[in-house]
Amino acid sequence: MEDHSRNYRNRGGRKPKANPSTHRYVFRLNDEENAQFLTLFEASGLHNKARFIVNTLFSKEIKTVKIDKGSVDFHMRLTSFYSQFRAVGVNYNQVVKLLYMHFTEKKAAAFLYKLEKQTAELAVLCRKIIELANDFNNTHLKKSKGDDC
């Protein structure tokens, strides 16, 4: 019987690896990043930087973040609307003060009645916007606990 483990001629050198690493990746670091890398490498206790990088990449969980442009746009518009709503509140306070300063109490009360009607409509609109924002948040932004995305 012939020994199949010695199908190659012994010409010196290392024995070929069973699963050689043939894929290579190159990346560059600036001075600050390199200092941080070397600090982490020395703290690891490994003697080979390539082994350190491979161990770091595959032994730790890498989290990815997917940014939904529509969600970001919705959030920005809602934030903008909220700031406009606050501005209306500030203006409301200023109008009430001006009404009582420049008009009689009866006339100021008549104007305030009209302003209150508009404010009530604005409050209903605000509640609807908050409901829509909460619905959007619950359906599109929050992940269930079992989701691993």
N, C-alpha and C. Protein backbone atom coordinates (compact mmCIF):
# COMPACT_ATOMS: atom_id res chain seq x y z
N MET A 1 0.84 -1.19 0.00
CA MET A 1 0.00 0.00 0.00
C MET A 1 0.87 1.24 0.00
N GLU A 2 0.43 2.17 -0.82
CA GLU A 2 1.22 3.39 -0.96
C GLU A 2 0.69 4.45 0.00
N ASP A 3 1.54 5.22 0.55
CA ASP A 3 1.16 6.28 1.47
C ASP A 3 0.73 7.51 0.66
N HIS A 4 -0.60 7.85 0.70
CA HIS A 4 -1.11 8.96 -0.09
C HIS A 4 -0.83 10.31 0.55
N SER A 5 -0.45 10.34 1.78
CA SER A 5 -0.18 11.62 2.43
C SER A 5 1.13 12.22 1.93
N ARG A 6 1.91 11.45 1.17
CA ARG A 6 3.17 11.97 0.66
C ARG A 6 3.16 11.98 -0.86
N ASN A 7 2.09 12.54 -1.45
CA ASN A 7 2.01 12.62 -2.91
C ASN A 7 2.90 13.73 -3.46
N TYR A 8 3.34 14.62 -2.66
CA TYR A 8 4.21 15.68 -3.13
C TYR A 8 5.65 15.29 -2.83
N ARG A 9 6.53 15.79 -3.64
CA ARG A 9 7.94 15.51 -3.39
C ARG A 9 8.46 16.49 -2.36
N ASN A 10 9.23 16.04 -1.49
CA ASN A 10 9.79 16.89 -0.46
C ASN A 10 10.94 17.68 -1.04
N ARG A 11 10.64 18.90 -1.43
CA ARG A 11 11.66 19.77 -2.00
C ARG A 11 12.09 20.81 -0.98
N GLY A 12 11.75 20.67 0.25
CA GLY A 12 12.09 21.64 1.28
C GLY A 12 10.96 22.63 1.46
N GLY A 13 11.10 23.53 2.38
CA GLY A 13 10.09 24.53 2.63
C GLY A 13 8.96 24.01 3.51
N ARG A 14 7.92 24.82 3.60
CA ARG A 14 6.78 24.44 4.44
C ARG A 14 5.86 23.49 3.72
N LYS A 15 5.14 22.74 4.50
CA LYS A 15 4.10 21.89 3.94
C LYS A 15 2.95 22.80 3.52
N PRO A 16 2.28 22.50 2.41
CA PRO A 16 1.15 23.35 2.01
C PRO A 16 0.01 23.29 3.03
N LYS A 17 -0.65 24.45 3.21
CA LYS A 17 -1.77 24.52 4.15
C LYS A 17 -2.99 23.85 3.56
N ALA A 18 -3.81 23.29 4.43
CA ALA A 18 -5.04 22.64 3.98
C ALA A 18 -6.06 23.67 3.49
N ASN A 19 -6.11 24.82 4.13
CA ASN A 19 -7.06 25.88 3.77
C ASN A 19 -6.30 27.20 3.72
N PRO A 20 -5.56 27.47 2.65
CA PRO A 20 -4.75 28.68 2.62
C PRO A 20 -5.60 29.95 2.53
N SER A 21 -5.10 31.02 3.12
CA SER A 21 -5.77 32.32 3.05
C SER A 21 -5.31 33.00 1.77
N THR A 22 -6.22 33.13 0.81
CA THR A 22 -5.84 33.69 -0.49
C THR A 22 -6.43 35.07 -0.74
N HIS A 23 -7.36 35.51 0.08
CA HIS A 23 -8.00 36.81 -0.12
C HIS A 23 -7.30 37.85 0.74
N ARG A 24 -7.02 39.00 0.12
CA ARG A 24 -6.26 40.02 0.82
C ARG A 24 -7.02 41.34 0.77
N TYR A 25 -7.01 42.04 1.89
CA TYR A 25 -7.64 43.36 1.97
C TYR A 25 -6.62 44.34 2.51
N VAL A 26 -6.63 45.54 1.96
CA VAL A 26 -5.68 46.57 2.37
C VAL A 26 -6.47 47.79 2.81
N PHE A 27 -6.07 48.38 3.92
CA PHE A 27 -6.68 49.62 4.37
C PHE A 27 -5.60 50.50 4.95
N ARG A 28 -5.84 51.77 4.94
CA ARG A 28 -4.84 52.73 5.43
C ARG A 28 -5.39 53.44 6.66
N LEU A 29 -4.47 53.77 7.57
CA LEU A 29 -4.84 54.47 8.80
C LEU A 29 -4.03 55.76 8.90
N ASN A 30 -4.61 56.79 9.49
CA ASN A 30 -3.83 57.99 9.76
C ASN A 30 -3.07 57.77 11.07
N ASP A 31 -2.28 58.74 11.49
CA ASP A 31 -1.43 58.57 12.67
C ASP A 31 -2.24 58.28 13.94
N GLU A 32 -3.34 59.00 14.10
CA GLU A 32 -4.17 58.81 15.30
C GLU A 32 -4.81 57.43 15.31
N GLU A 33 -5.35 57.01 14.17
CA GLU A 33 -5.96 55.69 14.08
C GLU A 33 -4.93 54.58 14.27
N ASN A 34 -3.71 54.80 13.73
CA ASN A 34 -2.66 53.80 13.88
C ASN A 34 -2.25 53.65 15.33
N ALA A 35 -2.14 54.76 16.06
CA ALA A 35 -1.79 54.69 17.48
C ALA A 35 -2.85 53.93 18.26
N GLN A 36 -4.13 54.18 17.93
CA GLN A 36 -5.22 53.48 18.60
C GLN A 36 -5.18 51.99 18.24
N PHE A 37 -4.91 51.68 16.98
CA PHE A 37 -4.82 50.28 16.55
C PHE A 37 -3.70 49.56 17.29
N LEU A 38 -2.53 50.20 17.37
CA LEU A 38 -1.39 49.56 18.05
C LEU A 38 -1.66 49.36 19.53
N THR A 39 -2.37 50.30 20.15
CA THR A 39 -2.73 50.15 21.56
C THR A 39 -3.64 48.94 21.75
N LEU A 40 -4.63 48.81 20.89
CA LEU A 40 -5.53 47.66 20.97
C LEU A 40 -4.80 46.35 20.68
N PHE A 41 -3.89 46.39 19.71
CA PHE A 41 -3.13 45.19 19.35
C PHE A 41 -2.25 44.74 20.51
N GLU A 42 -1.56 45.68 21.15
CA GLU A 42 -0.70 45.33 22.28
C GLU A 42 -1.52 44.80 23.45
N ALA A 43 -2.71 45.37 23.66
CA ALA A 43 -3.56 44.92 24.76
C ALA A 43 -4.11 43.52 24.51
N SER A 44 -4.20 43.11 23.24
CA SER A 44 -4.75 41.79 22.92
C SER A 44 -3.82 40.66 23.30
N GLY A 45 -2.52 40.91 23.33
CA GLY A 45 -1.57 39.87 23.67
C GLY A 45 -1.20 38.98 22.49
N LEU A 46 -1.77 39.22 21.31
CA LEU A 46 -1.42 38.44 20.13
C LEU A 46 -0.10 38.93 19.55
N HIS A 47 0.57 38.06 18.80
CA HIS A 47 1.87 38.42 18.24
C HIS A 47 1.80 38.73 16.75
N ASN A 48 0.65 38.49 16.13
CA ASN A 48 0.50 38.69 14.70
C ASN A 48 -0.65 39.68 14.47
N LYS A 49 -0.35 40.79 13.79
CA LYS A 49 -1.37 41.81 13.56
C LYS A 49 -2.51 41.30 12.68
N ALA A 50 -2.17 40.48 11.69
CA ALA A 50 -3.21 39.94 10.82
C ALA A 50 -4.17 39.05 11.62
N ARG A 51 -3.65 38.22 12.50
CA ARG A 51 -4.49 37.37 13.36
C ARG A 51 -5.36 38.24 14.25
N PHE A 52 -4.78 39.33 14.78
CA PHE A 52 -5.54 40.24 15.64
C PHE A 52 -6.72 40.83 14.88
N ILE A 53 -6.48 41.28 13.64
CA ILE A 53 -7.55 41.88 12.84
C ILE A 53 -8.64 40.86 12.55
N VAL A 54 -8.25 39.65 12.15
CA VAL A 54 -9.23 38.60 11.83
C VAL A 54 -10.03 38.24 13.08
N ASN A 55 -9.34 38.08 14.21
CA ASN A 55 -10.05 37.75 15.46
C ASN A 55 -11.01 38.86 15.86
N THR A 56 -10.57 40.09 15.70
CA THR A 56 -11.42 41.23 16.06
C THR A 56 -12.65 41.29 15.16
N LEU A 57 -12.47 41.07 13.87
CA LEU A 57 -13.59 41.13 12.94
C LEU A 57 -14.62 40.03 13.18
N PHE A 58 -14.16 38.82 13.39
CA PHE A 58 -15.09 37.70 13.43
C PHE A 58 -15.49 37.24 14.83
N SER A 59 -14.80 37.71 15.86
CA SER A 59 -15.19 37.29 17.20
C SER A 59 -16.16 38.27 17.84
N LYS A 60 -16.25 39.47 17.31
CA LYS A 60 -17.16 40.47 17.87
C LYS A 60 -18.32 40.68 16.91
N GLU A 61 -19.45 41.05 17.48
CA GLU A 61 -20.63 41.33 16.68
C GLU A 61 -20.47 42.70 16.04
N ILE A 62 -20.69 42.76 14.74
CA ILE A 62 -20.61 44.03 14.03
C ILE A 62 -22.04 44.48 13.76
N LYS A 63 -22.38 45.66 14.23
CA LYS A 63 -23.73 46.17 14.05
C LYS A 63 -23.76 47.07 12.83
N THR A 64 -24.79 46.90 12.03
CA THR A 64 -24.99 47.76 10.88
C THR A 64 -26.24 48.59 11.11
N VAL A 65 -26.21 49.80 10.61
CA VAL A 65 -27.33 50.71 10.78
C VAL A 65 -27.83 51.08 9.40
N LYS A 66 -29.13 50.88 9.17
CA LYS A 66 -29.74 51.25 7.92
C LYS A 66 -30.54 52.52 8.16
N ILE A 67 -30.23 53.55 7.38
CA ILE A 67 -30.91 54.83 7.54
C ILE A 67 -31.97 54.94 6.45
N ASP A 68 -33.20 55.09 6.89
CA ASP A 68 -34.32 55.23 5.97
C ASP A 68 -34.50 56.71 5.67
N LYS A 69 -34.25 57.10 4.43
CA LYS A 69 -34.33 58.50 4.03
C LYS A 69 -35.72 59.08 4.28
N GLY A 70 -36.75 58.29 4.03
CA GLY A 70 -38.12 58.75 4.25
C GLY A 70 -38.38 59.06 5.71
N SER A 71 -37.87 58.20 6.60
CA SER A 71 -38.06 58.42 8.03
C SER A 71 -37.33 59.67 8.50
N VAL A 72 -36.11 59.85 7.99
CA VAL A 72 -35.34 61.04 8.37
C VAL A 72 -36.05 62.30 7.88
N ASP A 73 -36.54 62.26 6.64
CA ASP A 73 -37.25 63.40 6.08
C ASP A 73 -38.51 63.71 6.88
N PHE A 74 -39.26 62.65 7.23
CA PHE A 74 -40.48 62.82 8.04
C PHE A 74 -40.14 63.47 9.38
N HIS A 75 -39.08 62.99 10.01
CA HIS A 75 -38.67 63.54 11.31
C HIS A 75 -38.28 65.00 11.18
N MET A 76 -37.54 65.34 10.13
CA MET A 76 -37.13 66.74 9.94
C MET A 76 -38.33 67.65 9.72
N ARG A 77 -39.29 67.17 8.92
CA ARG A 77 -40.49 67.99 8.67
C ARG A 77 -41.33 68.15 9.94
N LEU A 78 -41.43 67.08 10.71
CA LEU A 78 -42.19 67.14 11.95
C LEU A 78 -41.52 68.10 12.94
N THR A 79 -40.19 68.06 13.00
CA THR A 79 -39.45 68.97 13.87
C THR A 79 -39.65 70.41 13.43
N SER A 80 -39.62 70.63 12.12
CA SER A 80 -39.84 71.97 11.58
C SER A 80 -41.25 72.46 11.92
N PHE A 81 -42.23 71.57 11.76
CA PHE A 81 -43.61 71.94 12.08
C PHE A 81 -43.75 72.27 13.56
N TYR A 82 -43.09 71.49 14.42
CA TYR A 82 -43.17 71.73 15.86
C TYR A 82 -42.60 73.11 16.20
N SER A 83 -41.48 73.48 15.56
CA SER A 83 -40.90 74.80 15.85
C SER A 83 -41.84 75.91 15.37
N GLN A 84 -42.51 75.69 14.25
CA GLN A 84 -43.49 76.67 13.77
C GLN A 84 -44.67 76.76 14.73
N PHE A 85 -45.09 75.62 15.26
CA PHE A 85 -46.19 75.59 16.21
C PHE A 85 -45.83 76.37 17.47
N ARG A 86 -44.59 76.22 17.94
CA ARG A 86 -44.12 76.98 19.11
C ARG A 86 -44.11 78.48 18.80
N ALA A 87 -43.71 78.83 17.58
CA ALA A 87 -43.69 80.24 17.19
C ALA A 87 -45.10 80.82 17.22
N VAL A 88 -46.08 80.03 16.79
CA VAL A 88 -47.48 80.48 16.85
C VAL A 88 -47.88 80.71 18.30
N GLY A 89 -47.44 79.83 19.20
CA GLY A 89 -47.75 80.01 20.63
C GLY A 89 -47.16 81.30 21.19
N VAL A 90 -45.94 81.61 20.78
CA VAL A 90 -45.30 82.85 21.25
C VAL A 90 -46.07 84.05 20.69
N ASN A 91 -46.40 83.98 19.42
CA ASN A 91 -47.16 85.08 18.80
C ASN A 91 -48.55 85.22 19.46
N TYR A 92 -49.16 84.12 19.82
CA TYR A 92 -50.46 84.13 20.49
C TYR A 92 -50.38 84.94 21.78
N ASN A 93 -49.35 84.66 22.57
CA ASN A 93 -49.18 85.40 23.83
C ASN A 93 -48.99 86.89 23.57
N GLN A 94 -48.23 87.24 22.56
CA GLN A 94 -47.99 88.64 22.24
C GLN A 94 -49.27 89.33 21.77
N VAL A 95 -50.08 88.62 20.97
CA VAL A 95 -51.34 89.19 20.47
C VAL A 95 -52.29 89.45 21.64
N VAL A 96 -52.38 88.53 22.58
CA VAL A 96 -53.28 88.72 23.73
C VAL A 96 -52.85 89.95 24.52
N LYS A 97 -51.56 90.12 24.75
CA LYS A 97 -51.08 91.31 25.48
C LYS A 97 -51.41 92.59 24.72
N LEU A 98 -51.17 92.56 23.39
CA LEU A 98 -51.44 93.76 22.58
C LEU A 98 -52.93 94.10 22.54
N LEU A 99 -53.77 93.06 22.48
CA LEU A 99 -55.21 93.31 22.45
C LEU A 99 -55.66 94.05 23.71
N TYR A 100 -55.18 93.59 24.86
CA TYR A 100 -55.60 94.23 26.11
C TYR A 100 -54.96 95.60 26.30
N MET A 101 -53.81 95.84 25.63
CA MET A 101 -53.18 97.15 25.74
C MET A 101 -53.86 98.20 24.87
N HIS A 102 -54.29 97.82 23.66
CA HIS A 102 -54.74 98.80 22.68
C HIS A 102 -56.26 98.87 22.49
N PHE A 103 -57.00 97.92 23.04
CA PHE A 103 -58.45 97.93 22.84
C PHE A 103 -59.16 97.89 24.19
N THR A 104 -60.43 98.23 24.14
CA THR A 104 -61.22 98.12 25.36
C THR A 104 -61.38 96.64 25.69
N GLU A 105 -61.76 96.37 26.91
CA GLU A 105 -61.87 94.97 27.34
C GLU A 105 -62.92 94.23 26.54
N LYS A 106 -64.02 94.91 26.20
CA LYS A 106 -65.09 94.25 25.45
C LYS A 106 -64.63 93.91 24.03
N LYS A 107 -63.97 94.84 23.38
CA LYS A 107 -63.51 94.62 22.01
C LYS A 107 -62.40 93.56 22.00
N ALA A 108 -61.51 93.61 22.98
CA ALA A 108 -60.43 92.63 23.09
C ALA A 108 -61.01 91.23 23.29
N ALA A 109 -62.07 91.13 24.09
CA ALA A 109 -62.71 89.83 24.33
C ALA A 109 -63.32 89.29 23.04
N ALA A 110 -63.89 90.16 22.19
CA ALA A 110 -64.47 89.72 20.92
C ALA A 110 -63.38 89.17 20.00
N PHE A 111 -62.26 89.87 19.93
CA PHE A 111 -61.14 89.37 19.12
C PHE A 111 -60.59 88.06 19.68
N LEU A 112 -60.53 87.98 21.01
CA LEU A 112 -60.02 86.75 21.64
C LEU A 112 -60.93 85.57 21.36
N TYR A 113 -62.24 85.82 21.26
CA TYR A 113 -63.18 84.75 20.95
C TYR A 113 -62.86 84.15 19.58
N LYS A 114 -62.61 85.02 18.59
CA LYS A 114 -62.24 84.55 17.26
C LYS A 114 -60.91 83.80 17.30
N LEU A 115 -59.99 84.33 18.08
CA LEU A 115 -58.66 83.70 18.19
C LEU A 115 -58.77 82.33 18.86
N GLU A 116 -59.68 82.22 19.83
CA GLU A 116 -59.86 80.93 20.51
C GLU A 116 -60.40 79.87 19.55
N LYS A 117 -61.30 80.26 18.66
CA LYS A 117 -61.84 79.31 17.68
C LYS A 117 -60.71 78.78 16.80
N GLN A 118 -59.88 79.68 16.33
CA GLN A 118 -58.75 79.27 15.48
C GLN A 118 -57.77 78.39 16.26
N THR A 119 -57.57 78.71 17.52
CA THR A 119 -56.66 77.94 18.35
C THR A 119 -57.19 76.53 18.58
N ALA A 120 -58.49 76.40 18.75
CA ALA A 120 -59.10 75.09 18.93
C ALA A 120 -58.89 74.23 17.68
N GLU A 121 -59.05 74.84 16.49
CA GLU A 121 -58.81 74.12 15.25
C GLU A 121 -57.34 73.70 15.14
N LEU A 122 -56.47 74.58 15.55
CA LEU A 122 -55.04 74.29 15.53
C LEU A 122 -54.70 73.15 16.50
N ALA A 123 -55.36 73.13 17.64
CA ALA A 123 -55.12 72.06 18.62
C ALA A 123 -55.58 70.71 18.08
N VAL A 124 -56.72 70.68 17.38
CA VAL A 124 -57.20 69.43 16.77
C VAL A 124 -56.21 68.96 15.72
N LEU A 125 -55.73 69.88 14.91
CA LEU A 125 -54.73 69.54 13.91
C LEU A 125 -53.46 69.00 14.56
N CYS A 126 -53.06 69.61 15.65
CA CYS A 126 -51.86 69.16 16.36
C CYS A 126 -52.04 67.74 16.89
N ARG A 127 -53.21 67.44 17.44
CA ARG A 127 -53.48 66.08 17.94
C ARG A 127 -53.40 65.05 16.82
N LYS A 128 -53.94 65.41 15.64
CA LYS A 128 -53.89 64.50 14.49
C LYS A 128 -52.44 64.26 14.07
N ILE A 129 -51.65 65.31 14.08
CA ILE A 129 -50.23 65.17 13.70
C ILE A 129 -49.50 64.29 14.70
N ILE A 130 -49.78 64.46 15.96
CA ILE A 130 -49.14 63.62 16.99
C ILE A 130 -49.55 62.16 16.81
N GLU A 131 -50.84 61.92 16.51
CA GLU A 131 -51.30 60.55 16.26
C GLU A 131 -50.58 59.94 15.06
N LEU A 132 -50.48 60.71 13.97
CA LEU A 132 -49.77 60.22 12.78
C LEU A 132 -48.31 59.92 13.08
N ALA A 133 -47.68 60.80 13.85
CA ALA A 133 -46.28 60.60 14.20
C ALA A 133 -46.11 59.34 15.05
N ASN A 134 -47.01 59.12 16.00
CA ASN A 134 -46.93 57.92 16.83
C ASN A 134 -47.18 56.66 16.02
N ASP A 135 -48.17 56.70 15.12
CA ASP A 135 -48.44 55.56 14.26
C ASP A 135 -47.23 55.24 13.39
N PHE A 136 -46.64 56.27 12.81
CA PHE A 136 -45.45 56.08 11.96
C PHE A 136 -44.31 55.50 12.78
N ASN A 137 -44.13 56.02 13.98
CA ASN A 137 -43.07 55.54 14.86
C ASN A 137 -43.27 54.06 15.20
N ASN A 138 -44.49 53.69 15.53
CA ASN A 138 -44.78 52.30 15.92
C ASN A 138 -44.66 51.33 14.75
N THR A 139 -45.07 51.75 13.56
CA THR A 139 -45.06 50.82 12.44
C THR A 139 -43.75 50.78 11.68
N HIS A 140 -43.02 51.89 11.64
CA HIS A 140 -41.84 51.94 10.78
C HIS A 140 -40.51 52.05 11.52
N LEU A 141 -40.49 52.65 12.68
CA LEU A 141 -39.21 52.90 13.33
C LEU A 141 -38.86 51.89 14.40
N LYS A 142 -39.83 51.47 15.19
CA LYS A 142 -39.54 50.53 16.28
C LYS A 142 -39.49 49.13 15.75
N LYS A 143 -38.43 48.40 16.13
CA LYS A 143 -38.30 46.99 15.75
C LYS A 143 -38.77 46.15 16.92
N SER A 144 -39.34 45.01 16.61
CA SER A 144 -39.74 44.12 17.70
C SER A 144 -38.51 43.52 18.33
N LYS A 145 -38.64 43.01 19.53
CA LYS A 145 -37.48 42.49 20.27
C LYS A 145 -36.83 41.30 19.57
N GLY A 146 -37.56 40.55 18.77
CA GLY A 146 -37.02 39.39 18.08
C GLY A 146 -36.31 39.75 16.79
N ASP A 147 -36.39 41.02 16.36
CA ASP A 147 -35.78 41.43 15.11
C ASP A 147 -34.28 41.57 15.28
N ASP A 148 -33.52 41.00 14.38
CA ASP A 148 -32.06 41.10 14.42
C ASP A 148 -31.53 41.82 13.20
N CYS A 149 -32.15 42.89 12.77
CA CYS A 149 -31.72 43.60 11.57
C CYS A 149 -30.60 44.55 11.84
